[in-house]
PDB file of N, CA and C in Angstrom:
ATOM      1  N   UNK A   1       1.253  -0.137  26.631  1.00  0.00           N
ATOM      2  CA  UNK A   1       0.774  -0.886  25.347  1.00  0.00           C
ATOM      3  C   UNK A   1       1.383   0.073  24.262  1.00  0.00           C
ATOM      4  N   UNK A   2       2.324  -0.125  23.478  1.00  0.00           N
ATOM      5  CA  UNK A   2       2.279   0.808  22.268  1.00  0.00           C
ATOM      6  C   UNK A   2       1.347   0.642  21.042  1.00  0.00           C
ATOM      7  N   UNK A   3       1.243   1.742  20.442  1.00  0.00           N
ATOM      8  CA  UNK A   3       0.378   2.007  19.561  1.00  0.00           C
ATOM      9  C   UNK A   3       0.962   1.943  18.323  1.00  0.00           C
ATOM     10  N   UNK A   4       0.508   1.211  17.508  1.00  0.00           N
ATOM     11  CA  UNK A   4       1.118   1.210  16.025  1.00  0.00           C
ATOM     12  C   UNK A   4       0.064   2.216  14.733  1.00  0.00           C
ATOM     13  N   UNK A   5       0.323   2.141  13.714  1.00  0.00           N
ATOM     14  CA  UNK A   5      -0.717   3.682  12.868  1.00  0.00           C
ATOM     15  C   UNK A   5      -1.465   2.261  12.373  1.00  0.00           C
ATOM     16  N   UNK A   6      -2.543   2.894  12.303  1.00  0.00           N
ATOM     17  CA  UNK A   6      -3.346   1.982  11.608  1.00  0.00           C
ATOM     18  C   UNK A   6      -4.344   2.435   9.926  1.00  0.00           C
ATOM     19  N   UNK A   7      -3.992   0.992   8.904  1.00  0.00           N
ATOM     20  CA  UNK A   7      -3.887   1.219   7.800  1.00  0.00           C
ATOM     21  C   UNK A   7      -5.294   0.683   7.249  1.00  0.00           C
ATOM     22  N   UNK A   8      -6.056   2.029   6.098  1.00  0.00           N
ATOM     23  CA  UNK A   8      -7.444   0.794   6.071  1.00  0.00           C
ATOM     24  C   UNK A   8      -6.893   1.009   4.738  1.00  0.00           C
ATOM     25  N   UNK A   9      -7.921   0.091   4.031  1.00  0.00           N
ATOM     26  CA  UNK A   9      -7.648  -0.891   2.900  1.00  0.00           C
ATOM     27  C   UNK A   9      -9.074  -0.316   2.139  1.00  0.00           C
ATOM     28  N   UNK A  10      -9.264   0.331   0.891  1.00  0.00           N
ATOM     29  CA  UNK A  10     -10.665   0.704   0.621  1.00  0.00           C
ATOM     30  C   UNK A  10     -10.559   0.200  -1.146  1.00  0.00           C
ATOM     31  N   UNK A  11     -11.588  -0.314  -2.022  1.00  0.00           N
ATOM     32  CA  UNK A  11     -11.975   0.141  -3.195  1.00  0.00           C
ATOM     33  C   UNK A  11     -13.351   0.852  -3.632  1.00  0.00           C
ATOM     34  N   UNK A  12     -12.109   2.252  -3.771  1.00  0.00           N
ATOM     35  CA  UNK A  12     -12.949   3.177  -4.258  1.00  0.00           C
ATOM     36  C   UNK A  12     -13.835   3.815  -2.600  1.00  0.00           C
ATOM     37  N   UNK A  13     -14.852   4.009  -2.465  1.00  0.00           N
ATOM     38  CA  UNK A  13     -15.715   4.527  -1.260  1.00  0.00           C
ATOM     39  C   UNK A  13     -15.663   3.687  -0.266  1.00  0.00           C
ATOM     40  N   UNK A  14     -15.744   2.100  -1.034  1.00  0.00           N
ATOM     41  CA  UNK A  14     -15.950   0.885   0.084  1.00  0.00           C
ATOM     42  C   UNK A  14     -14.895   0.870   1.211  1.00  0.00           C
ATOM     43  N   UNK A  15     -15.175   0.609   2.288  1.00  0.00           N
ATOM     44  CA  UNK A  15     -13.972  -0.080   3.213  1.00  0.00           C
ATOM     45  C   UNK A  15     -13.621  -1.608   3.223  1.00  0.00           C
ATOM     46  N   UNK A  16     -12.584  -2.153   2.819  1.00  0.00           N
ATOM     47  CA  UNK A  16     -12.582  -2.947   2.723  1.00  0.00           C
ATOM     48  C   UNK A  16     -11.998  -3.853   4.334  1.00  0.00           C
ATOM     49  N   UNK A  17     -10.821  -3.017   5.045  1.00  0.00           N
ATOM     50  CA  UNK A  17     -10.832  -3.872   6.192  1.00  0.00           C
ATOM     51  C   UNK A  17      -9.613  -2.704   6.782  1.00  0.00           C
ATOM     52  N   UNK A  18      -9.363  -2.755   7.640  1.00  0.00           N
ATOM     53  CA  UNK A  18      -8.095  -2.159   8.694  1.00  0.00           C
ATOM     54  C   UNK A  18      -7.530  -2.865   9.673  1.00  0.00           C
ATOM     55  N   UNK A  19      -6.202  -2.509   9.688  1.00  0.00           N
ATOM     56  CA  UNK A  19      -5.298  -3.024  10.920  1.00  0.00           C
ATOM     57  C   UNK A  19      -4.162  -2.134  11.105  1.00  0.00           C
ATOM     58  N   UNK A  20      -3.587  -2.536  12.022  1.00  0.00           N
ATOM     59  CA  UNK A  20      -2.316  -1.548  12.984  1.00  0.00           C
ATOM     60  C   UNK A  20      -1.451  -2.315  12.186  1.00  0.00           C
ATOM     61  N   UNK A  21      -0.071  -1.521  11.614  1.00  0.00           N
ATOM     62  CA  UNK A  21       0.895  -1.722  10.986  1.00  0.00           C
ATOM     63  C   UNK A  21       2.200  -2.089  12.087  1.00  0.00           C
ATOM     64  N   UNK A  22       2.868  -3.237  12.329  1.00  0.00           N
ATOM     65  CA  UNK A  22       3.728  -2.921  12.934  1.00  0.00           C
ATOM     66  C   UNK A  22       5.266  -2.574  12.193  1.00  0.00           C
ATOM     67  N   UNK A  23       6.039  -2.594  12.911  1.00  0.00           N
ATOM     68  CA  UNK A  23       7.178  -1.599  12.195  1.00  0.00           C
ATOM     69  C   UNK A  23       7.917  -2.803  11.255  1.00  0.00           C
ATOM     70  N   UNK A  24       8.142  -2.149  10.024  1.00  0.00           N
ATOM     71  CA  UNK A  24       8.593  -2.639   9.044  1.00  0.00           C
ATOM     72  C   UNK A  24       7.570  -3.995   8.027  1.00  0.00           C
ATOM     73  N   UNK A  25       6.636  -3.724   8.512  1.00  0.00           N
ATOM     74  CA  UNK A  25       5.469  -4.671   7.602  1.00  0.00           C
ATOM     75  C   UNK A  25       5.076  -3.749   6.741  1.00  0.00           C
ATOM     76  N   UNK A  26       5.154  -4.748   5.254  1.00  0.00           N
ATOM     77  CA  UNK A  26       4.818  -4.163   4.007  1.00  0.00           C
ATOM     78  C   UNK A  26       2.781  -3.718   3.927  1.00  0.00           C
ATOM     79  N   UNK A  27       2.644  -3.034   2.544  1.00  0.00           N
ATOM     80  CA  UNK A  27       1.065  -2.811   2.780  1.00  0.00           C
ATOM     81  C   UNK A  27       0.294  -4.089   2.626  1.00  0.00           C
ATOM     82  N   UNK A  28       1.362  -5.030   1.864  1.00  0.00           N
ATOM     83  CA  UNK A  28       0.440  -6.343   1.679  1.00  0.00           C
ATOM     84  C   UNK A  28       0.428  -6.972   3.028  1.00  0.00           C
ATOM     85  N   UNK A  29       1.746  -6.883   3.843  1.00  0.00           N
ATOM     86  CA  UNK A  29       1.437  -7.375   5.071  1.00  0.00           C
ATOM     87  C   UNK A  29       0.245  -6.926   6.025  1.00  0.00           C
ATOM     88  N   UNK A  30       0.336  -5.776   6.349  1.00  0.00           N
ATOM     89  CA  UNK A  30      -0.808  -5.292   7.117  1.00  0.00           C
ATOM     90  C   UNK A  30      -2.289  -5.921   6.542  1.00  0.00           C
ATOM     91  N   UNK A  31      -2.165  -5.714   5.196  1.00  0.00           N
ATOM     92  CA  UNK A  31      -3.537  -6.271   4.416  1.00  0.00           C
ATOM     93  C   UNK A  31      -3.998  -7.447   4.847  1.00  0.00           C
ATOM     94  N   UNK A  32      -3.204  -8.412   4.976  1.00  0.00           N
ATOM     95  CA  UNK A  32      -3.313  -9.511   4.874  1.00  0.00           C
ATOM     96  C   UNK A  32      -4.126  -9.910   6.924  1.00  0.00           C
ATOM     97  N   UNK A  33      -3.512  -9.007   7.787  1.00  0.00           N
ATOM     98  CA  UNK A  33      -3.962  -9.077   8.674  1.00  0.00           C
ATOM     99  C   UNK A  33      -5.007  -8.361   8.914  1.00  0.00           C
ATOM    100  N   UNK A  34      -5.633  -7.055   7.949  1.00  0.00           N
ATOM    101  CA  UNK A  34      -6.813  -6.875   8.131  1.00  0.00           C
ATOM    102  C   UNK A  34      -7.923  -7.833   7.354  1.00  0.00           C
ATOM    103  N   UNK A  35      -7.507  -8.924   6.571  1.00  0.00           N
ATOM    104  CA  UNK A  35      -8.195 -10.123   5.854  1.00  0.00           C
ATOM    105  C   UNK A  35      -8.651  -9.383   4.462  1.00  0.00           C
ATOM    106  N   UNK A  36      -7.728  -8.502   4.036  1.00  0.00           N
ATOM    107  CA  UNK A  36      -7.842  -7.869   2.882  1.00  0.00           C
ATOM    108  C   UNK A  36      -7.037  -9.153   1.799  1.00  0.00           C
ATOM    109  N   UNK A  37      -7.493  -9.166   0.949  1.00  0.00           N
ATOM    110  CA  UNK A  37      -5.754  -9.653  -0.056  1.00  0.00           C
ATOM    111  C   UNK A  37      -5.998  -8.955  -1.079  1.00  0.00           C
ATOM    112  N   UNK A  38      -4.398  -8.785  -1.246  1.00  0.00           N
ATOM    113  CA  UNK A  38      -4.057  -8.050  -2.438  1.00  0.00           C
ATOM    114  C   UNK A  38      -3.578  -9.015  -3.105  1.00  0.00           C
ATOM    115  N   UNK A  39      -3.789  -8.912  -4.620  1.00  0.00           N
ATOM    116  CA  UNK A  39      -3.304  -9.746  -6.026  1.00  0.00           C
ATOM    117  C   UNK A  39      -1.993  -8.981  -5.761  1.00  0.00           C
ATOM    118  N   UNK A  40      -1.002 -10.071  -5.765  1.00  0.00           N
ATOM    119  CA  UNK A  40       0.616 -10.059  -6.006  1.00  0.00           C
ATOM    120  C   UNK A  40       1.170 -11.186  -7.119  1.00  0.00           C
ATOM    121  N   UNK A  41       2.045 -10.868  -7.800  1.00  0.00           N
ATOM    122  CA  UNK A  41       2.948 -11.568  -8.243  1.00  0.00           C
ATOM    123  C   UNK A  41       4.368 -11.824  -8.104  1.00  0.00           C
ATOM    124  N   UNK A  42       5.137 -11.001  -8.436  1.00  0.00           N
ATOM    125  CA  UNK A  42       6.505 -10.773  -8.327  1.00  0.00           C
ATOM    126  C   UNK A  42       6.828 -10.588  -6.736  1.00  0.00           C
ATOM    127  N   UNK A  43       6.229 -10.009  -6.141  1.00  0.00           N
ATOM    128  CA  UNK A  43       6.455  -9.828  -4.366  1.00  0.00           C
ATOM    129  C   UNK A  43       7.959  -8.497  -4.572  1.00  0.00           C
ATOM    130  N   UNK A  44       8.559  -8.115  -5.666  1.00  0.00           N
ATOM    131  CA  UNK A  44       9.550  -6.964  -5.658  1.00  0.00           C
ATOM    132  C   UNK A  44       9.608  -6.064  -6.608  1.00  0.00           C
ATOM    133  N   UNK A  45       8.099  -5.258  -6.584  1.00  0.00           N
ATOM    134  CA  UNK A  45       7.786  -4.099  -7.001  1.00  0.00           C
ATOM    135  C   UNK A  45       8.315  -4.122  -8.710  1.00  0.00           C
ATOM    136  N   UNK A  46       8.626  -5.248  -9.170  1.00  0.00           N
ATOM    137  CA  UNK A  46       8.612  -5.297 -10.912  1.00  0.00           C
ATOM    138  C   UNK A  46       7.710  -5.582 -11.896  1.00  0.00           C
ATOM    139  N   UNK A  47       6.222  -5.471 -11.097  1.00  0.00           N
ATOM    140  CA  UNK A  47       5.328  -5.938 -12.360  1.00  0.00           C
ATOM    141  C   UNK A  47       4.142  -5.337 -11.933  1.00  0.00           C
ATOM    142  N   UNK A  48       4.216  -4.878 -10.769  1.00  0.00           N
ATOM    143  CA  UNK A  48       2.739  -3.598 -10.735  1.00  0.00           C
ATOM    144  C   UNK A  48       1.888  -4.349 -10.425  1.00  0.00           C
ATOM    145  N   UNK A  49       1.416  -5.737  -9.977  1.00  0.00           N
ATOM    146  CA  UNK A  49       0.104  -6.310  -9.958  1.00  0.00           C
ATOM    147  C   UNK A  49      -0.265  -5.673  -8.633  1.00  0.00           C
ATOM    148  N   UNK A  50       0.184  -5.448  -7.331  1.00  0.00           N
ATOM    149  CA  UNK A  50      -0.319  -4.729  -6.406  1.00  0.00           C
ATOM    150  C   UNK A  50      -0.433  -3.329  -6.083  1.00  0.00           C
ATOM    151  N   UNK A  51      -0.129  -2.757  -7.059  1.00  0.00           N
ATOM    152  CA  UNK A  51      -0.414  -1.271  -7.418  1.00  0.00           C
ATOM    153  C   UNK A  51      -1.448  -0.866  -6.470  1.00  0.00           C
ATOM    154  N   UNK A  52      -1.775   0.188  -5.608  1.00  0.00           N
ATOM    155  CA  UNK A  52      -3.121   0.689  -5.143  1.00  0.00           C
ATOM    156  C   UNK A  52      -2.292   2.516  -5.186  1.00  0.00           C
ATOM    157  N   UNK A  53      -3.765   3.164  -4.525  1.00  0.00           N
ATOM    158  CA  UNK A  53      -3.340   4.680  -4.391  1.00  0.00           C
ATOM    159  C   UNK A  53      -3.559   4.995  -2.891  1.00  0.00           C
ATOM    160  N   UNK A  54      -2.667   6.105  -2.522  1.00  0.00           N
ATOM    161  CA  UNK A  54      -2.483   6.675  -1.093  1.00  0.00           C
ATOM    162  C   UNK A  54      -4.024   7.642  -0.978  1.00  0.00           C
ATOM    163  N   UNK A  55      -4.960   7.456  -0.555  1.00  0.00           N
ATOM    164  CA  UNK A  55      -6.220   8.147  -0.334  1.00  0.00           C
ATOM    165  C   UNK A  55      -5.692   9.648   0.596  1.00  0.00           C
ATOM    166  N   UNK A  56      -5.009   8.923   1.435  1.00  0.00           N
ATOM    167  CA  UNK A  56      -4.478   9.889   2.413  1.00  0.00           C
ATOM    168  C   UNK A  56      -3.187   9.663   3.616  1.00  0.00           C
ATOM    169  N   UNK A  57      -2.542  10.195   3.785  1.00  0.00           N
ATOM    170  CA  UNK A  57      -1.114   9.434   4.841  1.00  0.00           C
ATOM    171  C   UNK A  57      -0.148   9.399   4.094  1.00  0.00           C
ATOM    172  N   UNK A  58       0.992   8.931   4.343  1.00  0.00           N
ATOM    173  CA  UNK A  58       1.946   8.941   4.059  1.00  0.00           C
ATOM    174  C   UNK A  58       2.470   7.126   3.525  1.00  0.00           C
ATOM    175  N   UNK A  59       3.054   7.095   2.295  1.00  0.00           N
ATOM    176  CA  UNK A  59       3.675   5.336   2.445  1.00  0.00           C
ATOM    177  C   UNK A  59       5.523   6.028   1.999  1.00  0.00           C
ATOM    178  N   UNK A  60       5.886   5.295   2.292  1.00  0.00           N
ATOM    179  CA  UNK A  60       7.637   5.832   2.493  1.00  0.00           C
ATOM    180  C   UNK A  60       8.241   5.502   1.154  1.00  0.00           C
ATOM    181  N   UNK A  61       8.516   6.263   0.380  1.00  0.00           N
ATOM    182  CA  UNK A  61       9.244   6.279  -1.307  1.00  0.00           C
ATOM    183  C   UNK A  61       9.983   4.991  -1.363  1.00  0.00           C
ATOM    184  N   UNK A  62      10.058   4.304  -2.276  1.00  0.00           N
ATOM    185  CA  UNK A  62      11.244   3.430  -3.124  1.00  0.00           C
ATOM    186  C   UNK A  62      11.927   4.729  -3.914  1.00  0.00           C
ATOM    187  N   UNK A  63      13.382   4.504  -3.630  1.00  0.00           N
ATOM    188  CA  UNK A  63      14.090   4.699  -4.149  1.00  0.00           C
ATOM    189  C   UNK A  63      15.383   3.798  -4.602  1.00  0.00           C
ATOM    190  N   UNK A  64      16.171   3.251  -5.737  1.00  0.00           N
ATOM    191  CA  UNK A  64      15.292   3.664  -7.077  1.00  0.00           C
ATOM    192  C   UNK A  64      13.724   3.312  -7.284  1.00  0.00           C
ATOM    193  N   UNK A  65      13.183   3.498  -8.113  1.00  0.00           N
ATOM    194  CA  UNK A  65      11.614   3.396  -8.541  1.00  0.00           C
ATOM    195  C   UNK A  65      11.832   2.121  -9.414  1.00  0.00           C
ATOM    196  N   UNK A  66      11.381   0.471  -8.838  1.00  0.00           N
ATOM    197  CA  UNK A  66      11.351  -0.351  -9.680  1.00  0.00           C
ATOM    198  C   UNK A  66      10.611  -0.226 -11.236  1.00  0.00           C
ATOM    199  N   UNK A  67      10.638  -1.198 -11.600  1.00  0.00           N
ATOM    200  CA  UNK A  67       9.890  -1.287 -12.843  1.00  0.00           C
ATOM    201  C   UNK A  67       8.291  -1.562 -13.088  1.00  0.00           C
ATOM    202  N   UNK A  68       7.970  -1.945 -11.778  1.00  0.00           N
ATOM    203  CA  UNK A  68       6.701  -2.045 -11.878  1.00  0.00           C
ATOM    204  C   UNK A  68       5.820  -0.183 -11.591  1.00  0.00           C
ATOM    205  N   UNK A  69       6.595   0.524 -11.356  1.00  0.00           N
ATOM    206  CA  UNK A  69       6.106   1.816 -10.675  1.00  0.00           C
ATOM    207  C   UNK A  69       7.247   2.851 -11.647  1.00  0.00           C
ATOM    208  N   UNK A  70       6.210   4.097 -12.240  1.00  0.00           N
ATOM    209  CA  UNK A  70       7.270   4.783 -12.878  1.00  0.00           C
ATOM    210  C   UNK A  70       6.556   6.399 -12.020  1.00  0.00           C
ATOM    211  N   UNK A  71       7.565   7.401 -12.698  1.00  0.00           N
ATOM    212  CA  UNK A  71       7.015   8.866 -11.839  1.00  0.00           C
ATOM    213  C   UNK A  71       5.499   9.524 -12.280  1.00  0.00           C
ATOM    214  N   UNK A  72       4.867   9.192 -13.182  1.00  0.00           N
ATOM    215  CA  UNK A  72       3.899   9.654 -13.367  1.00  0.00           C
ATOM    216  C   UNK A  72       2.707   9.104 -12.176  1.00  0.00           C
ATOM    217  N   UNK A  73       2.922   7.712 -12.165  1.00  0.00           N
ATOM    218  CA  UNK A  73       2.233   6.611 -11.560  1.00  0.00           C
ATOM    219  C   UNK A  73       2.395   7.458  -9.843  1.00  0.00           C
ATOM    220  N   UNK A  74       3.530   7.702  -9.490  1.00  0.00           N
ATOM    221  CA  UNK A  74       3.582   8.219  -7.886  1.00  0.00           C
ATOM    222  C   UNK A  74       3.276   9.672  -8.039  1.00  0.00           C
ATOM    223  N   UNK A  75       3.707  10.418  -9.052  1.00  0.00           N
ATOM    224  CA  UNK A  75       2.756  11.833  -8.662  1.00  0.00           C
ATOM    225  C   UNK A  75       1.024  12.067  -8.507  1.00  0.00           C
ATOM    226  N   UNK A  76       0.313  10.524  -9.215  1.00  0.00           N
ATOM    227  CA  UNK A  76      -0.898  10.340  -8.829  1.00  0.00           C
ATOM    228  C   UNK A  76      -1.290   9.852  -7.509  1.00  0.00           C
ATOM    229  N   UNK A  77       0.340   9.254  -6.741  1.00  0.00           N
ATOM    230  CA  UNK A  77      -0.347   8.760  -5.454  1.00  0.00           C
ATOM    231  C   UNK A  77       0.034   6.883  -5.468  1.00  0.00           C
ATOM    232  N   UNK A  78       0.356   6.569  -6.427  1.00  0.00           N
ATOM    233  CA  UNK A  78       0.907   4.884  -6.437  1.00  0.00           C
ATOM    234  C   UNK A  78       1.371   4.375  -5.837  1.00  0.00           C
ATOM    235  N   UNK A  79       1.254   3.589  -5.463  1.00  0.00           N
ATOM    236  CA  UNK A  79       1.869   2.788  -4.292  1.00  0.00           C
ATOM    237  C   UNK A  79       2.275   1.012  -4.739  1.00  0.00           C
ATOM    238  N   UNK A  80       3.403   0.354  -4.876  1.00  0.00           N
ATOM    239  CA  UNK A  80       3.363  -0.893  -4.655  1.00  0.00           C
ATOM    240  C   UNK A  80       2.830  -1.460  -3.279  1.00  0.00           C
ATOM    241  N   UNK A  81       2.110  -2.227  -3.195  1.00  0.00           N
ATOM    242  CA  UNK A  81       1.568  -2.702  -1.787  1.00  0.00           C
ATOM    243  C   UNK A  81       2.294  -3.640  -1.368  1.00  0.00           C
ATOM    244  N   UNK A  82       3.202  -4.633  -2.345  1.00  0.00           N
ATOM    245  CA  UNK A  82       4.045  -5.897  -1.794  1.00  0.00           C
ATOM    246  C   UNK A  82       5.517  -5.247  -1.319  1.00  0.00           C
ATOM    247  N   UNK A  83       6.165  -4.001  -1.712  1.00  0.00           N
ATOM    248  CA  UNK A  83       7.094  -3.750  -1.137  1.00  0.00           C
ATOM    249  C   UNK A  83       7.327  -2.106  -0.171  1.00  0.00           C
ATOM    250  N   UNK A  84       6.236  -1.404  -0.185  1.00  0.00           N
ATOM    251  CA  UNK A  84       6.435  -0.342   0.476  1.00  0.00           C
ATOM    252  C   UNK A  84       5.830  -0.565   1.384  1.00  0.00           C
ATOM    253  N   UNK A  85       6.481   0.354   2.567  1.00  0.00           N
ATOM    254  CA  UNK A  85       5.739   0.405   4.141  1.00  0.00           C
ATOM    255  C   UNK A  85       4.899   1.758   4.150  1.00  0.00           C
ATOM    256  N   UNK A  86       3.676   1.500   5.126  1.00  0.00           N
ATOM    257  CA  UNK A  86       3.322   2.758   5.332  1.00  0.00           C
ATOM    258  C   UNK A  86       4.125   4.033   6.413  1.00  0.00           C
ATOM    259  N   UNK A  87       4.330   5.179   6.632  1.00  0.00           N
ATOM    260  CA  UNK A  87       4.490   5.577   7.435  1.00  0.00           C
ATOM    261  C   UNK A  87       3.911   6.630   8.147  1.00  0.00           C
ATOM    262  N   UNK A  88       3.074   6.129   9.028  1.00  0.00           N
ATOM    263  CA  UNK A  88       2.192   6.386   9.968  1.00  0.00           C
ATOM    264  C   UNK A  88       0.593   6.334   9.422  1.00  0.00           C
ATOM    265  N   UNK A  89       0.151   6.402   9.836  1.00  0.00           N
ATOM    266  CA  UNK A  89      -1.749   6.098   9.712  1.00  0.00           C
ATOM    267  C   UNK A  89      -2.037   6.562   8.060  1.00  0.00           C
ATOM    268  N   UNK A  90      -2.275   5.559   7.413  1.00  0.00           N
ATOM    269  CA  UNK A  90      -3.168   6.138   6.088  1.00  0.00           C
ATOM    270  C   UNK A  90      -3.901   5.516   5.525  1.00  0.00           C
ATOM    271  N   UNK A  91      -4.713   5.825   4.485  1.00  0.00           N
ATOM    272  CA  UNK A  91      -5.834   4.945   3.778  1.00  0.00           C
ATOM    273  C   UNK A  91      -5.233   4.488   2.020  1.00  0.00           C
ATOM    274  N   UNK A  92      -5.543   3.304   1.981  1.00  0.00           N
ATOM    275  CA  UNK A  92      -4.942   3.041   0.525  1.00  0.00           C
ATOM    276  C   UNK A  92      -6.208   2.277  -0.555  1.00  0.00           C
ATOM    277  N   UNK A  93      -6.405   3.403  -1.409  1.00  0.00           N
ATOM    278  CA  UNK A  93      -7.359   2.430  -2.197  1.00  0.00           C
ATOM    279  C   UNK A  93      -6.798   1.627  -3.090  1.00  0.00           C
ATOM    280  N   UNK A  94      -6.886   0.548  -3.314  1.00  0.00           N
ATOM    281  CA  UNK A  94      -6.852  -0.835  -3.732  1.00  0.00           C
ATOM    282  C   UNK A  94      -6.688  -0.634  -5.306  1.00  0.00           C
ATOM    283  N   UNK A  95      -7.590   0.308  -5.672  1.00  0.00           N
ATOM    284  CA  UNK A  95      -7.591   0.547  -7.363  1.00  0.00           C
ATOM    285  C   UNK A  95      -6.638   1.318  -7.731  1.00  0.00           C
ATOM    286  N   UNK A  96      -6.000   1.115  -9.010  1.00  0.00           N
ATOM    287  CA  UNK A  96      -4.462   1.608  -9.160  1.00  0.00           C
ATOM    288  C   UNK A  96      -4.842   3.011  -9.873  1.00  0.00           C
ATOM    289  N   UNK A  97      -3.767   3.868  -9.962  1.00  0.00           N
ATOM    290  CA  UNK A  97      -4.507   5.523 -10.337  1.00  0.00           C
ATOM    291  C   UNK A  97      -4.310   5.593 -11.967  1.00  0.00           C
ATOM    292  N   UNK A  98      -5.117   4.656 -12.533  1.00  0.00           N
ATOM    293  CA  UNK A  98      -5.211   4.416 -13.609  1.00  0.00           C
ATOM    294  C   UNK A  98      -6.432   5.291 -14.837  1.00  0.00           C
TER     295      UNK A  98
END
């Protein structure tokens, strides 16, 4: 049996849920499996509604940056959960890096 990386979702220090990420799953899709609701609006990375912060681990970068994300936010660990994929196990804080 193949093991997939575990993604944990937090709000600050509070663990909201965790689930394994199958290949190709966005962070929003993994959160849904974990029973964690992430607000979305456009689901294409343009609005920023689903923005969270990487606490640990890595998320595959998006190139070029979509409208909902800028270089300053990326430098602070921001991710758009509706379009970004985990790159191994990671912890995501569902509070944006503001």
